[in-house]
Amino acid sequence: TEVDPEKLTRLKEMEERAVRQQQVERQRFLLNLDPASWEQMAEEGYFQKAEDDFKAAAAEEKGVRGVTDRYCLLLHALGALLDRRSYVDETGQRHMISFRSALFLEQ
């Protein structure tokens, strides 16, 4: 079966528009990401998504607007997020050790 070159061209154009629209929406999201939202994301357990979003938002902010107060707030939020993640990891490890110790003592 032959593919109509005109339809193929239109499909490629539609696909390119959709990709550009996704890029514009992602950029808009990153440029509007509230630096204070890191805490809620951490509370909900979205550490990796928050880390990725805040890194991308900081890079986008610096690339589009330069080093602004918001850029500094995003970096601060990223640092706080990483500190929280580290604390949760450490605390979880300590709880696991205590749990294993308790199980051992029960034997």
C-alpha atoms as a PDB file:
ATOM      1  CA  THR A   1       0.000   0.000   0.000  1.00  0.00           C
ATOM      2  CA  GLU A   2       1.216   3.450  -0.885  1.00  0.00           C
ATOM      3  CA  VAL A   3       1.238   6.249   1.632  1.00  0.00           C
ATOM      4  CA  ASP A   4       0.065   9.624   0.456  1.00  0.00           C
ATOM      5  CA  PRO A   5       3.097  11.962   0.813  1.00  0.00           C
ATOM      6  CA  GLU A   6       0.826  14.880   1.658  1.00  0.00           C
ATOM      7  CA  LYS A   7      -0.769  12.963   4.557  1.00  0.00           C
ATOM      8  CA  LEU A   8       2.669  11.881   5.747  1.00  0.00           C
ATOM      9  CA  THR A   9       3.840  15.501   5.731  1.00  0.00           C
ATOM     10  CA  ARG A  10       0.768  16.600   7.698  1.00  0.00           C
ATOM     11  CA  LEU A  11       1.311  13.818  10.245  1.00  0.00           C
ATOM     12  CA  LYS A  12       4.930  14.854  10.738  1.00  0.00           C
ATOM     13  CA  GLU A  13       3.891  18.469  11.181  1.00  0.00           C
ATOM     14  CA  MET A  14       1.266  17.465  13.742  1.00  0.00           C
ATOM     15  CA  GLU A  15       3.824  15.410  15.630  1.00  0.00           C
ATOM     16  CA  GLU A  16       6.324  18.298  15.627  1.00  0.00           C
ATOM     17  CA  ARG A  17       3.636  20.692  16.916  1.00  0.00           C
ATOM     18  CA  ALA A  18       2.723  18.256  19.676  1.00  0.00           C
ATOM     19  CA  VAL A  19       6.373  17.900  20.732  1.00  0.00           C
ATOM     20  CA  ARG A  20       6.857  21.688  20.708  1.00  0.00           C
ATOM     21  CA  GLN A  21       3.673  22.109  22.761  1.00  0.00           C
ATOM     22  CA  GLN A  22       4.935  19.596  25.337  1.00  0.00           C
ATOM     23  CA  GLN A  23       8.241  21.456  25.541  1.00  0.00           C
ATOM     24  CA  VAL A  24       6.456  24.785  26.031  1.00  0.00           C
ATOM     25  CA  GLU A  25       4.224  23.298  28.750  1.00  0.00           C
ATOM     26  CA  ARG A  26       7.221  21.736  30.518  1.00  0.00           C
ATOM     27  CA  GLN A  27       9.109  25.042  30.402  1.00  0.00           C
ATOM     28  CA  ARG A  28       6.049  26.892  31.729  1.00  0.00           C
ATOM     29  CA  PHE A  29       5.719  24.345  34.548  1.00  0.00           C
ATOM     30  CA  LEU A  30       9.388  24.676  35.485  1.00  0.00           C
ATOM     31  CA  LEU A  31       9.353  28.478  35.371  1.00  0.00           C
ATOM     32  CA  ASN A  32       6.286  28.513  37.645  1.00  0.00           C
ATOM     33  CA  LEU A  33       7.334  25.754  40.064  1.00  0.00           C
ATOM     34  CA  ASP A  34       6.889  27.076  43.602  1.00  0.00           C
ATOM     35  CA  PRO A  35      10.194  26.721  45.491  1.00  0.00           C
ATOM     36  CA  ALA A  36       8.211  26.056  48.689  1.00  0.00           C
ATOM     37  CA  SER A  37       6.496  23.009  47.201  1.00  0.00           C
ATOM     38  CA  TRP A  38       9.511  20.781  47.883  1.00  0.00           C
ATOM     39  CA  GLU A  39       8.273  20.085  51.402  1.00  0.00           C
ATOM     40  CA  GLN A  40       4.885  18.792  50.314  1.00  0.00           C
ATOM     41  CA  MET A  41       6.486  16.645  47.617  1.00  0.00           C
ATOM     42  CA  ALA A  42       8.877  15.200  50.214  1.00  0.00           C
ATOM     43  CA  GLU A  43       6.037  14.533  52.656  1.00  0.00           C
ATOM     44  CA  GLU A  44       4.220  12.630  49.916  1.00  0.00           C
ATOM     45  CA  GLY A  45       7.365  10.616  49.161  1.00  0.00           C
ATOM     46  CA  TYR A  46       8.100  12.040  45.718  1.00  0.00           C
ATOM     47  CA  PHE A  47      11.798  12.557  46.401  1.00  0.00           C
ATOM     48  CA  GLN A  48      13.159  11.610  42.971  1.00  0.00           C
ATOM     49  CA  LYS A  49      10.509  13.541  41.030  1.00  0.00           C
ATOM     50  CA  ALA A  50      11.029  16.584  43.247  1.00  0.00           C
ATOM     51  CA  GLU A  51      14.790  16.358  42.841  1.00  0.00           C
ATOM     52  CA  ASP A  52      14.499  16.088  39.051  1.00  0.00           C
ATOM     53  CA  ASP A  53      11.946  18.904  38.827  1.00  0.00           C
ATOM     54  CA  PHE A  54      13.900  21.279  41.056  1.00  0.00           C
ATOM     55  CA  LYS A  55      17.165  20.666  39.205  1.00  0.00           C
ATOM     56  CA  ALA A  56      15.426  21.278  35.880  1.00  0.00           C
ATOM     57  CA  ALA A  57      13.574  24.331  37.226  1.00  0.00           C
ATOM     58  CA  ALA A  58      16.815  25.870  38.506  1.00  0.00           C
ATOM     59  CA  ALA A  59      18.544  25.263  35.173  1.00  0.00           C
ATOM     60  CA  GLU A  60      15.570  26.685  33.260  1.00  0.00           C
ATOM     61  CA  GLU A  61      15.362  29.719  35.547  1.00  0.00           C
ATOM     62  CA  LYS A  62      19.069  30.458  35.149  1.00  0.00           C
ATOM     63  CA  GLY A  63      18.940  29.886  31.384  1.00  0.00           C
ATOM     64  CA  VAL A  64      15.909  32.104  30.774  1.00  0.00           C
ATOM     65  CA  ARG A  65      16.110  34.745  33.504  1.00  0.00           C
ATOM     66  CA  GLY A  66      19.678  34.493  34.805  1.00  0.00           C
ATOM     67  CA  VAL A  67      20.679  34.259  38.460  1.00  0.00           C
ATOM     68  CA  THR A  68      17.601  35.593  40.234  1.00  0.00           C
ATOM     69  CA  ASP A  69      16.243  35.383  43.762  1.00  0.00           C
ATOM     70  CA  ARG A  70      13.953  32.592  42.544  1.00  0.00           C
ATOM     71  CA  TYR A  71      16.962  30.677  41.205  1.00  0.00           C
ATOM     72  CA  CYS A  72      18.590  30.899  44.641  1.00  0.00           C
ATOM     73  CA  LEU A  73      15.344  29.765  46.300  1.00  0.00           C
ATOM     74  CA  LEU A  74      15.174  26.762  43.967  1.00  0.00           C
ATOM     75  CA  LEU A  75      18.759  25.784  44.842  1.00  0.00           C
ATOM     76  CA  HIS A  76      17.994  26.204  48.547  1.00  0.00           C
ATOM     77  CA  ALA A  77      14.859  24.062  48.168  1.00  0.00           C
ATOM     78  CA  LEU A  78      16.879  21.398  46.343  1.00  0.00           C
ATOM     79  CA  GLY A  79      19.413  21.360  49.177  1.00  0.00           C
ATOM     80  CA  ALA A  80      16.657  21.081  51.777  1.00  0.00           C
ATOM     81  CA  LEU A  81      15.056  18.276  49.815  1.00  0.00           C
ATOM     82  CA  LEU A  82      18.326  16.355  49.636  1.00  0.00           C
ATOM     83  CA  ASP A  83      18.869  16.875  53.381  1.00  0.00           C
ATOM     84  CA  ARG A  84      15.364  15.528  54.116  1.00  0.00           C
ATOM     85  CA  ARG A  85      15.942  12.544  51.853  1.00  0.00           C
ATOM     86  CA  SER A  86      19.246  11.795  53.576  1.00  0.00           C
ATOM     87  CA  TYR A  87      17.593  12.069  57.007  1.00  0.00           C
ATOM     88  CA  VAL A  88      14.773   9.728  55.964  1.00  0.00           C
ATOM     89  CA  ASP A  89      17.291   7.220  54.598  1.00  0.00           C
ATOM     90  CA  GLU A  90      19.383   7.344  57.776  1.00  0.00           C
ATOM     91  CA  THR A  91      16.368   7.102  60.048  1.00  0.00           C
ATOM     92  CA  GLY A  92      14.984   4.194  58.046  1.00  0.00           C
ATOM     93  CA  GLN A  93      18.306   2.374  58.320  1.00  0.00           C
ATOM     94  CA  ARG A  94      18.380   2.914  62.076  1.00  0.00           C
ATOM     95  CA  HIS A  95      14.820   1.612  62.420  1.00  0.00           C
ATOM     96  CA  MET A  96      15.705  -1.475  60.381  1.00  0.00           C
ATOM     97  CA  ILE A  97      18.732  -2.184  62.613  1.00  0.00           C
ATOM     98  CA  SER A  98      16.561  -1.801  65.727  1.00  0.00           C
ATOM     99  CA  PHE A  99      13.928  -4.071  64.229  1.00  0.00           C
ATOM    100  CA  ARG A 100      16.490  -6.743  63.393  1.00  0.00           C
ATOM    101  CA  SER A 101      17.974  -6.471  66.874  1.00  0.00           C
ATOM    102  CA  ALA A 102      14.531  -6.964  68.400  1.00  0.00           C
ATOM    103  CA  LEU A 103      13.890  -9.995  66.220  1.00  0.00           C
ATOM    104  CA  PHE A 104      17.259 -11.446  67.213  1.00  0.00           C
ATOM    105  CA  LEU A 105      16.520 -10.936  70.909  1.00  0.00           C
ATOM    106  CA  GLU A 106      13.165 -12.705  70.546  1.00  0.00           C
ATOM    107  CA  GLN A 107      14.882 -15.905  69.449  1.00  0.00           C
END
